[in-house]
Amino acid sequence: MTNRILITGANRGIGLELCRQLKARGDQLIAVCRRASDDLRAMDLRVIEDVDVGSDASLARLKDQLANEGLDWLINNAGILSVESLDSLDFEAMEQQFRINALGPLRVTAALLPNLARGARVGIITSRMGSIADNTSGAYYGYRMSKAAVNMAGMSLARDLLERGIAVSLIHPGMVATDMTGGQGVSPVLSASGIIARMDALDISDTGSFWHAQGERLPW
């Protein structure tokens, strides 16, 4: 079955690799980003640029561009990371992480809800750093807090979309070797393949689940 899939943050890292793997298996992609990379342009996909997931006006334009177009999957991948410790707190950076990491997926999903029919699937790329039970090292205040917040948003979406038959999954991609992590971690290829496997397996009976991309259920 061919899926019609929209991915945010598609210009690099995990988003770019998701586009690459999903296109290779025959899915139809809409790659959304603020600014397309050369690698994304080279894939010959439908690309929508100038989309800021932290902006209501930007998402209203995206909604208009996609009017009457159905989506089988929506993957909320766009995210940012800054590093704060208790001795070095940057509250503006923390607020920006909330805007993009926590409110962004909610804004995108709300804007594109008319495009999601019964049986559609929503993926939110979160992090185990948003797990309260799993926090054994502290710091990373803005990132941890924004990911805990998006986990709660995802659970609320799962409850609110249940009657519409739309399933939601929260997926930790692993620590992935991207620009965000300074090139440390597992390959985007491995991470993206795991995310796709979790989305393939998602159904309404498992909505609101929190998964590691490689198949481990994670604690809240």
N, C-alpha and C. Protein backbone atom coordinates (compact mmCIF):
# COMPACT_ATOMS: atom_id res chain seq x y z
N MET A 1 0.84 -1.20 0.00
CA MET A 1 0.00 0.00 0.00
C MET A 1 0.88 1.25 0.00
N THR A 2 0.57 2.17 -0.89
CA THR A 2 1.29 3.43 -0.96
C THR A 2 0.65 4.44 -0.02
N ASN A 3 1.47 5.05 0.82
CA ASN A 3 0.99 6.07 1.75
C ASN A 3 1.35 7.45 1.25
N ARG A 4 0.48 8.40 1.55
CA ARG A 4 0.77 9.81 1.28
C ARG A 4 1.20 10.42 2.61
N ILE A 5 2.43 10.90 2.68
CA ILE A 5 3.07 11.22 3.96
C ILE A 5 3.64 12.64 3.92
N LEU A 6 3.36 13.40 4.97
CA LEU A 6 3.98 14.72 5.16
C LEU A 6 4.96 14.65 6.32
N ILE A 7 6.16 15.17 6.11
CA ILE A 7 7.21 15.17 7.13
C ILE A 7 7.69 16.59 7.34
N THR A 8 7.69 17.05 8.59
CA THR A 8 8.26 18.36 8.89
C THR A 8 9.75 18.20 9.21
N GLY A 9 10.49 19.30 9.09
CA GLY A 9 11.93 19.23 9.35
C GLY A 9 12.63 18.28 8.40
N ALA A 10 12.21 18.33 7.13
CA ALA A 10 12.63 17.30 6.16
C ALA A 10 13.93 17.64 5.44
N ASN A 11 14.56 18.75 5.75
CA ASN A 11 15.70 19.20 4.94
C ASN A 11 17.02 18.55 5.32
N ARG A 12 17.10 17.91 6.50
CA ARG A 12 18.37 17.32 6.91
C ARG A 12 18.13 16.26 7.98
N GLY A 13 19.20 15.57 8.38
CA GLY A 13 19.15 14.65 9.50
C GLY A 13 18.11 13.56 9.35
N ILE A 14 17.37 13.32 10.43
CA ILE A 14 16.37 12.25 10.45
C ILE A 14 15.30 12.49 9.41
N GLY A 15 14.82 13.72 9.29
CA GLY A 15 13.77 14.02 8.33
C GLY A 15 14.17 13.71 6.90
N LEU A 16 15.40 14.08 6.55
CA LEU A 16 15.91 13.81 5.21
C LEU A 16 16.00 12.31 4.95
N GLU A 17 16.48 11.55 5.94
CA GLU A 17 16.60 10.11 5.77
C GLU A 17 15.24 9.43 5.72
N LEU A 18 14.28 9.93 6.48
CA LEU A 18 12.91 9.41 6.37
C LEU A 18 12.39 9.59 4.94
N CYS A 19 12.61 10.77 4.38
CA CYS A 19 12.18 11.01 3.00
C CYS A 19 12.85 10.03 2.05
N ARG A 20 14.14 9.83 2.23
CA ARG A 20 14.90 8.95 1.34
C ARG A 20 14.34 7.52 1.39
N GLN A 21 14.14 6.98 2.58
CA GLN A 21 13.69 5.59 2.71
C GLN A 21 12.24 5.42 2.28
N LEU A 22 11.39 6.36 2.62
CA LEU A 22 9.98 6.24 2.26
C LEU A 22 9.79 6.39 0.75
N LYS A 23 10.53 7.29 0.14
CA LYS A 23 10.46 7.43 -1.33
C LYS A 23 10.93 6.14 -2.00
N ALA A 24 11.99 5.54 -1.46
CA ALA A 24 12.55 4.34 -2.07
C ALA A 24 11.55 3.19 -2.08
N ARG A 25 10.67 3.15 -1.10
CA ARG A 25 9.70 2.05 -1.08
C ARG A 25 8.39 2.41 -1.79
N GLY A 26 8.31 3.62 -2.33
CA GLY A 26 7.18 3.97 -3.18
C GLY A 26 6.13 4.86 -2.57
N ASP A 27 6.34 5.35 -1.33
CA ASP A 27 5.37 6.26 -0.74
C ASP A 27 5.45 7.63 -1.40
N GLN A 28 4.37 8.39 -1.29
CA GLN A 28 4.32 9.75 -1.83
C GLN A 28 4.63 10.73 -0.70
N LEU A 29 5.64 11.57 -0.91
CA LEU A 29 6.14 12.42 0.15
C LEU A 29 5.83 13.89 -0.10
N ILE A 30 5.49 14.58 0.98
CA ILE A 30 5.47 16.04 0.99
C ILE A 30 6.48 16.45 2.05
N ALA A 31 7.58 17.02 1.62
CA ALA A 31 8.69 17.38 2.50
C ALA A 31 8.55 18.85 2.88
N VAL A 32 8.39 19.10 4.17
CA VAL A 32 8.13 20.46 4.66
C VAL A 32 9.34 20.93 5.47
N CYS A 33 9.75 22.16 5.24
CA CYS A 33 10.91 22.69 5.95
C CYS A 33 10.93 24.22 5.83
N ARG A 34 11.81 24.83 6.58
CA ARG A 34 11.99 26.27 6.44
C ARG A 34 12.77 26.58 5.17
N ARG A 35 13.81 25.81 4.89
CA ARG A 35 14.64 26.04 3.72
C ARG A 35 15.19 24.71 3.25
N ALA A 36 14.94 24.38 2.00
CA ALA A 36 15.35 23.08 1.47
C ALA A 36 16.87 23.02 1.31
N SER A 37 17.42 21.85 1.62
CA SER A 37 18.85 21.60 1.40
C SER A 37 19.05 21.08 -0.02
N ASP A 38 20.28 21.12 -0.48
CA ASP A 38 20.59 20.57 -1.79
C ASP A 38 20.26 19.07 -1.85
N ASP A 39 20.51 18.37 -0.75
CA ASP A 39 20.22 16.93 -0.71
C ASP A 39 18.72 16.67 -0.86
N LEU A 40 17.90 17.50 -0.24
CA LEU A 40 16.46 17.32 -0.34
C LEU A 40 15.99 17.64 -1.76
N ARG A 41 16.49 18.71 -2.33
CA ARG A 41 16.09 19.07 -3.70
C ARG A 41 16.46 17.96 -4.69
N ALA A 42 17.58 17.30 -4.44
CA ALA A 42 18.05 16.26 -5.36
C ALA A 42 17.15 15.03 -5.36
N MET A 43 16.28 14.90 -4.37
CA MET A 43 15.42 13.71 -4.29
C MET A 43 14.21 13.77 -5.21
N ASP A 44 13.95 14.91 -5.80
CA ASP A 44 12.80 15.04 -6.71
C ASP A 44 11.49 14.70 -5.99
N LEU A 45 11.29 15.35 -4.84
CA LEU A 45 10.06 15.22 -4.08
C LEU A 45 9.26 16.51 -4.15
N ARG A 46 8.05 16.48 -3.71
CA ARG A 46 7.30 17.72 -3.52
C ARG A 46 7.82 18.37 -2.23
N VAL A 47 8.37 19.53 -2.34
CA VAL A 47 8.94 20.25 -1.21
C VAL A 47 8.17 21.54 -1.00
N ILE A 48 7.78 21.80 0.25
CA ILE A 48 7.15 23.07 0.62
C ILE A 48 8.07 23.76 1.60
N GLU A 49 8.62 24.90 1.17
CA GLU A 49 9.57 25.65 1.99
C GLU A 49 8.86 26.78 2.74
N ASP A 50 9.65 27.49 3.54
CA ASP A 50 9.18 28.66 4.29
C ASP A 50 8.08 28.30 5.28
N VAL A 51 8.18 27.10 5.83
CA VAL A 51 7.21 26.66 6.85
C VAL A 51 7.90 26.68 8.20
N ASP A 52 7.40 27.51 9.09
CA ASP A 52 7.91 27.63 10.46
C ASP A 52 6.86 27.01 11.38
N VAL A 53 7.18 25.88 12.01
CA VAL A 53 6.20 25.18 12.83
C VAL A 53 5.86 25.95 14.11
N GLY A 54 6.60 27.03 14.38
CA GLY A 54 6.30 27.87 15.52
C GLY A 54 5.43 29.06 15.20
N SER A 55 4.93 29.14 13.97
CA SER A 55 4.18 30.30 13.51
C SER A 55 2.78 29.91 13.06
N ASP A 56 1.76 30.49 13.67
CA ASP A 56 0.38 30.24 13.25
C ASP A 56 0.16 30.70 11.81
N ALA A 57 0.72 31.85 11.46
CA ALA A 57 0.52 32.37 10.10
C ALA A 57 1.15 31.45 9.07
N SER A 58 2.34 30.94 9.35
CA SER A 58 3.01 30.03 8.44
C SER A 58 2.19 28.76 8.24
N LEU A 59 1.65 28.23 9.31
CA LEU A 59 0.87 26.99 9.20
C LEU A 59 -0.48 27.22 8.56
N ALA A 60 -1.02 28.42 8.69
CA ALA A 60 -2.25 28.74 7.97
C ALA A 60 -2.00 28.72 6.46
N ARG A 61 -0.83 29.21 6.04
CA ARG A 61 -0.49 29.15 4.61
C ARG A 61 -0.32 27.71 4.15
N LEU A 62 0.33 26.88 5.00
CA LEU A 62 0.49 25.47 4.65
C LEU A 62 -0.88 24.80 4.51
N LYS A 63 -1.76 25.10 5.44
CA LYS A 63 -3.11 24.53 5.38
C LYS A 63 -3.80 24.89 4.07
N ASP A 64 -3.66 26.13 3.65
CA ASP A 64 -4.27 26.56 2.40
C ASP A 64 -3.65 25.83 1.21
N GLN A 65 -2.35 25.63 1.23
CA GLN A 65 -1.67 24.94 0.13
C GLN A 65 -2.11 23.49 0.00
N LEU A 66 -2.50 22.90 1.12
CA LEU A 66 -2.86 21.47 1.11
C LEU A 66 -4.36 21.24 1.21
N ALA A 67 -5.13 22.26 0.96
CA ALA A 67 -6.59 22.12 1.05
C ALA A 67 -7.08 20.99 0.16
N ASN A 68 -7.91 20.12 0.74
CA ASN A 68 -8.54 19.00 0.03
C ASN A 68 -7.57 17.90 -0.37
N GLU A 69 -6.34 17.91 0.18
CA GLU A 69 -5.39 16.83 -0.08
C GLU A 69 -5.32 15.91 1.14
N GLY A 70 -5.58 14.64 0.93
CA GLY A 70 -5.56 13.70 2.03
C GLY A 70 -4.15 13.27 2.41
N LEU A 71 -3.96 12.99 3.70
CA LEU A 71 -2.69 12.47 4.21
C LEU A 71 -2.95 11.18 4.98
N ASP A 72 -2.13 10.17 4.71
CA ASP A 72 -2.20 8.92 5.48
C ASP A 72 -1.35 9.00 6.73
N TRP A 73 -0.18 9.62 6.62
CA TRP A 73 0.72 9.81 7.77
C TRP A 73 1.12 11.27 7.87
N LEU A 74 1.22 11.74 9.09
CA LEU A 74 1.84 13.03 9.40
C LEU A 74 2.95 12.76 10.40
N ILE A 75 4.18 13.08 10.02
CA ILE A 75 5.32 12.86 10.92
C ILE A 75 5.87 14.22 11.35
N ASN A 76 5.65 14.54 12.62
CA ASN A 76 6.13 15.79 13.22
C ASN A 76 7.56 15.59 13.67
N ASN A 77 8.50 15.98 12.81
CA ASN A 77 9.91 15.71 13.07
C ASN A 77 10.72 16.96 13.42
N ALA A 78 10.26 18.14 13.02
CA ALA A 78 11.03 19.36 13.24
C ALA A 78 11.31 19.57 14.73
N GLY A 79 12.54 19.93 15.04
CA GLY A 79 12.90 20.16 16.45
C GLY A 79 14.23 20.88 16.56
N ILE A 80 14.47 21.46 17.74
CA ILE A 80 15.73 22.15 17.99
C ILE A 80 16.25 21.74 19.37
N LEU A 81 17.55 21.93 19.57
CA LEU A 81 18.20 21.58 20.83
C LEU A 81 19.19 22.67 21.20
N SER A 82 19.09 23.14 22.44
CA SER A 82 20.16 23.95 23.00
C SER A 82 20.49 23.35 24.37
N VAL A 83 21.67 23.69 24.86
CA VAL A 83 22.16 23.06 26.09
C VAL A 83 22.17 24.07 27.22
N GLU A 84 21.44 23.75 28.30
CA GLU A 84 21.45 24.59 29.50
C GLU A 84 21.76 23.73 30.72
N SER A 85 22.56 24.29 31.60
CA SER A 85 22.78 23.68 32.91
C SER A 85 22.23 24.64 33.96
N LEU A 86 22.20 24.20 35.20
CA LEU A 86 21.70 25.06 36.26
C LEU A 86 22.56 26.31 36.42
N ASP A 87 23.82 26.20 36.06
CA ASP A 87 24.73 27.35 36.16
C ASP A 87 24.71 28.23 34.92
N SER A 88 24.00 27.79 33.90
CA SER A 88 23.98 28.54 32.64
C SER A 88 22.60 28.40 32.00
N LEU A 89 21.64 29.13 32.54
CA LEU A 89 20.26 29.04 32.07
C LEU A 89 19.97 30.15 31.08
N ASP A 90 19.53 29.77 29.90
CA ASP A 90 19.15 30.72 28.86
C ASP A 90 17.65 30.57 28.64
N PHE A 91 16.86 31.43 29.29
CA PHE A 91 15.41 31.25 29.26
C PHE A 91 14.81 31.54 27.89
N GLU A 92 15.42 32.44 27.13
CA GLU A 92 14.92 32.68 25.78
C GLU A 92 15.11 31.43 24.91
N ALA A 93 16.25 30.78 25.04
CA ALA A 93 16.48 29.54 24.29
C ALA A 93 15.53 28.44 24.74
N MET A 94 15.25 28.40 26.03
CA MET A 94 14.32 27.40 26.55
C MET A 94 12.91 27.65 26.00
N GLU A 95 12.50 28.91 25.97
CA GLU A 95 11.17 29.24 25.44
C GLU A 95 11.07 28.88 23.95
N GLN A 96 12.16 29.11 23.21
CA GLN A 96 12.15 28.75 21.79
C GLN A 96 12.03 27.25 21.59
N GLN A 97 12.66 26.46 22.45
CA GLN A 97 12.51 25.01 22.37
C GLN A 97 11.08 24.59 22.65
N PHE A 98 10.42 25.24 23.60
CA PHE A 98 9.01 24.95 23.82
C PHE A 98 8.18 25.28 22.58
N ARG A 99 8.47 26.42 21.98
CA ARG A 99 7.69 26.84 20.81
C ARG A 99 7.81 25.83 19.67
N ILE A 100 9.03 25.36 19.41
CA ILE A 100 9.24 24.45 18.29
C ILE A 100 8.96 22.99 18.66
N ASN A 101 9.53 22.53 19.78
CA ASN A 101 9.47 21.10 20.12
C ASN A 101 8.13 20.67 20.70
N ALA A 102 7.50 21.53 21.50
CA ALA A 102 6.26 21.15 22.18
C ALA A 102 5.02 21.67 21.47
N LEU A 103 5.01 22.96 21.17
CA LEU A 103 3.83 23.54 20.53
C LEU A 103 3.81 23.28 19.02
N GLY A 104 5.00 23.13 18.41
CA GLY A 104 5.06 22.91 16.97
C GLY A 104 4.25 21.71 16.49
N PRO A 105 4.47 20.51 17.05
CA PRO A 105 3.68 19.37 16.60
C PRO A 105 2.18 19.54 16.82
N LEU A 106 1.81 20.22 17.90
CA LEU A 106 0.39 20.46 18.14
C LEU A 106 -0.17 21.43 17.10
N ARG A 107 0.57 22.49 16.80
CA ARG A 107 0.13 23.44 15.77
C ARG A 107 -0.02 22.76 14.41
N VAL A 108 0.98 21.97 14.04
CA VAL A 108 0.94 21.31 12.74
C VAL A 108 -0.24 20.34 12.65
N THR A 109 -0.40 19.52 13.67
CA THR A 109 -1.48 18.52 13.66
C THR A 109 -2.84 19.19 13.63
N ALA A 110 -3.02 20.25 14.40
CA ALA A 110 -4.30 20.97 14.39
C ALA A 110 -4.56 21.59 13.02
N ALA A 111 -3.53 22.19 12.42
CA ALA A 111 -3.71 22.84 11.12
C ALA A 111 -4.08 21.83 10.03
N LEU A 112 -3.50 20.64 10.10
CA LEU A 112 -3.69 19.64 9.04
C LEU A 112 -4.73 18.59 9.39
N LEU A 113 -5.45 18.79 10.46
CA LEU A 113 -6.46 17.81 10.86
C LEU A 113 -7.49 17.56 9.75
N PRO A 114 -7.91 18.58 8.99
CA PRO A 114 -8.85 18.30 7.89
C PRO A 114 -8.29 17.36 6.83
N ASN A 115 -6.97 17.22 6.77
CA ASN A 115 -6.35 16.34 5.77
C ASN A 115 -6.24 14.89 6.23
N LEU A 116 -6.53 14.65 7.50
CA LEU A 116 -6.34 13.32 8.09
C LEU A 116 -7.68 12.60 8.20
N ALA A 117 -7.86 11.58 7.42
CA ALA A 117 -9.11 10.81 7.44
C ALA A 117 -9.01 9.68 8.47
N ARG A 118 -10.12 9.01 8.70
CA ARG A 118 -10.12 7.84 9.58
C ARG A 118 -9.07 6.84 9.09
N GLY A 119 -8.28 6.33 10.02
CA GLY A 119 -7.21 5.41 9.68
C GLY A 119 -5.85 6.07 9.49
N ALA A 120 -5.82 7.40 9.51
CA ALA A 120 -4.55 8.11 9.39
C ALA A 120 -3.70 7.93 10.65
N ARG A 121 -2.41 8.20 10.53
CA ARG A 121 -1.48 8.02 11.64
C ARG A 121 -0.65 9.29 11.83
N VAL A 122 -0.47 9.67 13.08
CA VAL A 122 0.33 10.84 13.43
C VAL A 122 1.52 10.37 14.25
N GLY A 123 2.72 10.68 13.79
CA GLY A 123 3.93 10.38 14.55
C GLY A 123 4.54 11.66 15.08
N ILE A 124 4.96 11.64 16.32
CA ILE A 124 5.66 12.77 16.93
C ILE A 124 7.05 12.28 17.32
N ILE A 125 8.07 12.88 16.71
CA ILE A 125 9.44 12.52 17.05
C ILE A 125 9.81 13.28 18.32
N THR A 126 9.86 12.55 19.41
CA THR A 126 10.11 13.12 20.73
C THR A 126 11.49 12.67 21.19
N SER A 127 11.66 12.46 22.48
CA SER A 127 12.94 11.99 23.00
C SER A 127 12.73 11.33 24.36
N ARG A 128 13.54 10.33 24.65
CA ARG A 128 13.50 9.76 25.99
C ARG A 128 14.03 10.76 27.02
N MET A 129 14.67 11.84 26.55
CA MET A 129 15.07 12.91 27.46
C MET A 129 13.86 13.65 28.03
N GLY A 130 12.69 13.42 27.45
CA GLY A 130 11.46 13.94 28.00
C GLY A 130 10.80 13.01 29.00
N SER A 131 11.42 11.87 29.24
CA SER A 131 10.89 10.92 30.23
C SER A 131 11.32 11.34 31.63
N ILE A 132 10.37 11.54 32.52
CA ILE A 132 10.69 11.90 33.90
C ILE A 132 11.33 10.72 34.61
N ALA A 133 10.81 9.53 34.38
CA ALA A 133 11.35 8.34 35.04
C ALA A 133 12.77 8.03 34.59
N ASP A 134 13.11 8.42 33.36
CA ASP A 134 14.41 8.06 32.79
C ASP A 134 15.48 9.12 33.02
N ASN A 135 15.12 10.22 33.67
CA ASN A 135 16.08 11.31 33.85
C ASN A 135 17.00 11.01 35.03
N THR A 136 18.21 10.58 34.72
CA THR A 136 19.18 10.24 35.77
C THR A 136 20.39 11.17 35.78
N SER A 137 20.38 12.17 34.87
CA SER A 137 21.57 13.02 34.76
C SER A 137 21.30 14.52 34.79
N GLY A 138 20.03 14.94 34.77
CA GLY A 138 19.71 16.34 34.89
C GLY A 138 20.11 17.18 33.69
N ALA A 139 20.19 18.52 33.91
CA ALA A 139 20.58 19.51 32.89
C ALA A 139 19.65 19.44 31.66
N TYR A 140 20.08 20.05 30.56
CA TYR A 140 19.29 20.12 29.33
C TYR A 140 17.85 20.57 29.63
N TYR A 141 17.72 21.64 30.40
CA TYR A 141 16.40 22.01 30.92
C TYR A 141 15.38 22.26 29.82
N GLY A 142 15.71 23.09 28.86
CA GLY A 142 14.74 23.42 27.82
C GLY A 142 14.36 22.23 26.98
N TYR A 143 15.33 21.42 26.59
CA TYR A 143 15.05 20.27 25.74
C TYR A 143 14.24 19.23 26.49
N ARG A 144 14.68 18.89 27.70
CA ARG A 144 13.94 17.89 28.48
C ARG A 144 12.50 18.34 28.73
N MET A 145 12.34 19.59 29.16
CA MET A 145 11.00 20.08 29.50
C MET A 145 10.11 20.16 28.26
N SER A 146 10.67 20.59 27.13
CA SER A 146 9.86 20.68 25.91
C SER A 146 9.45 19.30 25.41
N LYS A 147 10.30 18.31 25.58
CA LYS A 147 9.95 16.96 25.14
C LYS A 147 8.95 16.30 26.09
N ALA A 148 9.07 16.58 27.39
CA ALA A 148 8.04 16.10 28.32
C ALA A 148 6.69 16.72 27.97
N ALA A 149 6.71 17.99 27.59
CA ALA A 149 5.47 18.68 27.22
C ALA A 149 4.86 18.10 25.95
N VAL A 150 5.69 17.80 24.95
CA VAL A 150 5.13 17.25 23.72
C VAL A 150 4.62 15.83 23.94
N ASN A 151 5.24 15.09 24.88
CA ASN A 151 4.70 13.78 25.22
C ASN A 151 3.27 13.90 25.75
N MET A 152 3.03 14.88 26.59
CA MET A 152 1.68 15.10 27.11
C MET A 152 0.74 15.55 25.99
N ALA A 153 1.23 16.43 25.11
CA ALA A 153 0.41 16.85 23.98
C ALA A 153 0.02 15.66 23.11
N GLY A 154 0.99 14.77 22.87
CA GLY A 154 0.71 13.58 22.07
C GLY A 154 -0.32 12.68 22.71
N MET A 155 -0.25 12.52 24.03
CA MET A 155 -1.24 11.70 24.71
C MET A 155 -2.63 12.33 24.63
N SER A 156 -2.70 13.64 24.78
CA SER A 156 -4.00 14.32 24.64
C SER A 156 -4.54 14.19 23.22
N LEU A 157 -3.66 14.33 22.22
CA LEU A 157 -4.09 14.13 20.85
C LEU A 157 -4.62 12.71 20.64
N ALA A 158 -3.93 11.72 21.22
CA ALA A 158 -4.38 10.34 21.08
C ALA A 158 -5.79 10.17 21.62
N ARG A 159 -6.08 10.79 22.75
CA ARG A 159 -7.41 10.70 23.34
C ARG A 159 -8.44 11.45 22.49
N ASP A 160 -8.08 12.65 22.04
CA ASP A 160 -9.03 13.48 21.32
C ASP A 160 -9.32 12.98 19.91
N LEU A 161 -8.35 12.26 19.31
CA LEU A 161 -8.51 11.77 17.94
C LEU A 161 -9.02 10.34 17.87
N LEU A 162 -9.22 9.73 19.03
CA LEU A 162 -9.62 8.32 19.08
C LEU A 162 -10.92 8.09 18.32
N GLU A 163 -11.93 8.92 18.56
CA GLU A 163 -13.22 8.73 17.91
C GLU A 163 -13.16 8.95 16.41
N ARG A 164 -12.15 9.69 15.96
CA ARG A 164 -11.97 9.91 14.52
C ARG A 164 -11.19 8.78 13.87
N GLY A 165 -10.70 7.82 14.68
CA GLY A 165 -9.95 6.70 14.15
C GLY A 165 -8.55 7.07 13.71
N ILE A 166 -7.97 8.12 14.30
CA ILE A 166 -6.62 8.56 13.97
C ILE A 166 -5.69 8.17 15.12
N ALA A 167 -4.66 7.40 14.83
CA ALA A 167 -3.75 6.90 15.85
C ALA A 167 -2.51 7.80 15.95
N VAL A 168 -2.00 7.91 17.18
CA VAL A 168 -0.85 8.79 17.47
C VAL A 168 0.23 7.96 18.15
N SER A 169 1.48 8.15 17.72
CA SER A 169 2.60 7.50 18.38
C SER A 169 3.68 8.51 18.69
N LEU A 170 4.28 8.38 19.87
CA LEU A 170 5.41 9.20 20.29
C LEU A 170 6.66 8.34 20.16
N ILE A 171 7.63 8.81 19.37
CA ILE A 171 8.76 7.96 19.01
C ILE A 171 10.08 8.66 19.33
N HIS A 172 10.89 7.99 20.16
CA HIS A 172 12.26 8.43 20.43
C HIS A 172 13.16 7.86 19.34
N PRO A 173 13.87 8.69 18.59
CA PRO A 173 14.64 8.18 17.46
C PRO A 173 15.97 7.56 17.84
N GLY A 174 16.34 7.64 19.13
CA GLY A 174 17.69 7.29 19.55
C GLY A 174 18.56 8.53 19.50
N MET A 175 19.76 8.43 20.02
CA MET A 175 20.72 9.50 19.84
C MET A 175 21.33 9.31 18.46
N VAL A 176 21.02 10.24 17.57
CA VAL A 176 21.33 10.05 16.15
C VAL A 176 22.42 11.03 15.73
N ALA A 177 23.32 10.56 14.92
CA ALA A 177 24.46 11.36 14.46
C ALA A 177 24.00 12.37 13.42
N THR A 178 23.56 13.53 13.91
CA THR A 178 23.11 14.62 13.05
C THR A 178 23.81 15.90 13.48
N ASP A 179 23.49 17.00 12.79
CA ASP A 179 24.03 18.30 13.19
C ASP A 179 23.61 18.64 14.61
N MET A 180 22.39 18.24 15.00
CA MET A 180 21.87 18.57 16.33
C MET A 180 22.72 17.97 17.44
N THR A 181 23.25 16.78 17.20
CA THR A 181 24.03 16.09 18.24
C THR A 181 25.54 16.21 18.02
N GLY A 182 25.93 17.04 17.07
CA GLY A 182 27.35 17.16 16.77
C GLY A 182 27.94 15.93 16.13
N GLY A 183 27.10 15.16 15.44
CA GLY A 183 27.58 13.97 14.74
C GLY A 183 27.78 12.76 15.61
N GLN A 184 27.28 12.81 16.87
CA GLN A 184 27.44 11.67 17.77
C GLN A 184 26.17 10.81 17.77
N GLY A 185 26.34 9.49 17.77
CA GLY A 185 25.20 8.61 17.89
C GLY A 185 25.11 7.62 16.75
N VAL A 186 23.94 6.98 16.65
CA VAL A 186 23.70 5.98 15.61
C VAL A 186 23.43 6.68 14.29
N SER A 187 23.49 5.94 13.22
CA SER A 187 23.30 6.53 11.90
C SER A 187 21.83 6.92 11.68
N PRO A 188 21.59 8.01 10.94
CA PRO A 188 20.21 8.35 10.57
C PRO A 188 19.52 7.22 9.82
N VAL A 189 20.27 6.41 9.10
CA VAL A 189 19.68 5.28 8.36
C VAL A 189 19.00 4.32 9.32
N LEU A 190 19.70 3.95 10.40
CA LEU A 190 19.14 3.03 11.39
C LEU A 190 17.95 3.65 12.11
N SER A 191 18.10 4.89 12.51
CA SER A 191 17.02 5.56 13.22
C SER A 191 15.77 5.67 12.36
N ALA A 192 15.93 6.12 11.13
CA ALA A 192 14.77 6.30 10.26
C ALA A 192 14.06 4.98 9.97
N SER A 193 14.83 3.92 9.79
CA SER A 193 14.20 2.62 9.52
C SER A 193 13.37 2.18 10.73
N GLY A 194 13.86 2.46 11.94
CA GLY A 194 13.09 2.13 13.13
C GLY A 194 11.83 2.96 13.26
N ILE A 195 11.93 4.24 12.97
CA ILE A 195 10.74 5.11 13.01
C ILE A 195 9.68 4.61 12.03
N ILE A 196 10.11 4.27 10.84
CA ILE A 196 9.17 3.77 9.84
C ILE A 196 8.51 2.48 10.31
N ALA A 197 9.29 1.59 10.94
CA ALA A 197 8.73 0.35 11.46
C ALA A 197 7.67 0.62 12.52
N ARG A 198 7.92 1.59 13.39
CA ARG A 198 6.94 1.93 14.42
C ARG A 198 5.67 2.51 13.80
N MET A 199 5.83 3.34 12.77
CA MET A 199 4.66 3.91 12.10
C MET A 199 3.89 2.84 11.34
N ASP A 200 4.59 1.91 10.71
CA ASP A 200 3.92 0.81 10.01
C ASP A 200 3.09 -0.03 10.97
N ALA A 201 3.60 -0.23 12.18
CA ALA A 201 2.93 -1.10 13.15
C ALA A 201 1.82 -0.40 13.92
N LEU A 202 1.77 0.93 13.86
CA LEU A 202 0.81 1.69 14.66
C LEU A 202 -0.62 1.44 14.20
N ASP A 203 -1.49 1.17 15.15
CA ASP A 203 -2.92 1.17 14.86
C ASP A 203 -3.66 1.77 16.05
N ILE A 204 -4.95 1.88 15.92
CA ILE A 204 -5.72 2.62 16.91
C ILE A 204 -5.69 1.95 18.27
N SER A 205 -5.46 0.65 18.32
CA SER A 205 -5.42 -0.05 19.61
C SER A 205 -4.19 0.33 20.42
N ASP A 206 -3.18 0.90 19.76
CA ASP A 206 -1.92 1.24 20.41
C ASP A 206 -1.68 2.75 20.43
N THR A 207 -2.72 3.52 20.22
CA THR A 207 -2.57 4.97 20.16
C THR A 207 -2.11 5.52 21.51
N GLY A 208 -1.27 6.56 21.45
CA GLY A 208 -0.75 7.16 22.68
C GLY A 208 0.45 6.42 23.24
N SER A 209 1.08 5.56 22.47
CA SER A 209 2.23 4.79 22.95
C SER A 209 3.53 5.58 22.80
N PHE A 210 4.50 5.27 23.67
CA PHE A 210 5.80 5.95 23.70
C PHE A 210 6.87 4.89 23.43
N TRP A 211 7.53 5.00 22.28
CA TRP A 211 8.42 3.95 21.81
C TRP A 211 9.82 4.48 21.53
N HIS A 212 10.81 3.64 21.77
CA HIS A 212 12.11 3.81 21.14
C HIS A 212 11.96 3.35 19.69
N ALA A 213 12.64 4.01 18.78
CA ALA A 213 12.54 3.65 17.37
C ALA A 213 12.85 2.17 17.12
N GLN A 214 13.72 1.59 17.96
CA GLN A 214 14.11 0.20 17.75
C GLN A 214 13.18 -0.81 18.42
N GLY A 215 12.05 -0.33 18.96
CA GLY A 215 11.01 -1.26 19.39
C GLY A 215 10.80 -1.40 20.89
N GLU A 216 11.56 -0.69 21.70
CA GLU A 216 11.41 -0.77 23.17
C GLU A 216 10.37 0.24 23.63
N ARG A 217 9.43 -0.20 24.47
CA ARG A 217 8.50 0.75 25.09
C ARG A 217 9.26 1.55 26.14
N LEU A 218 8.98 2.84 26.21
CA LEU A 218 9.71 3.72 27.11
C LEU A 218 8.83 4.20 28.26
N PRO A 219 9.43 4.46 29.43
CA PRO A 219 8.66 4.94 30.57
C PRO A 219 8.37 6.43 30.44
N TRP A 220 7.26 6.85 31.03
CA TRP A 220 6.92 8.27 31.02
C TRP A 220 7.76 9.03 32.06
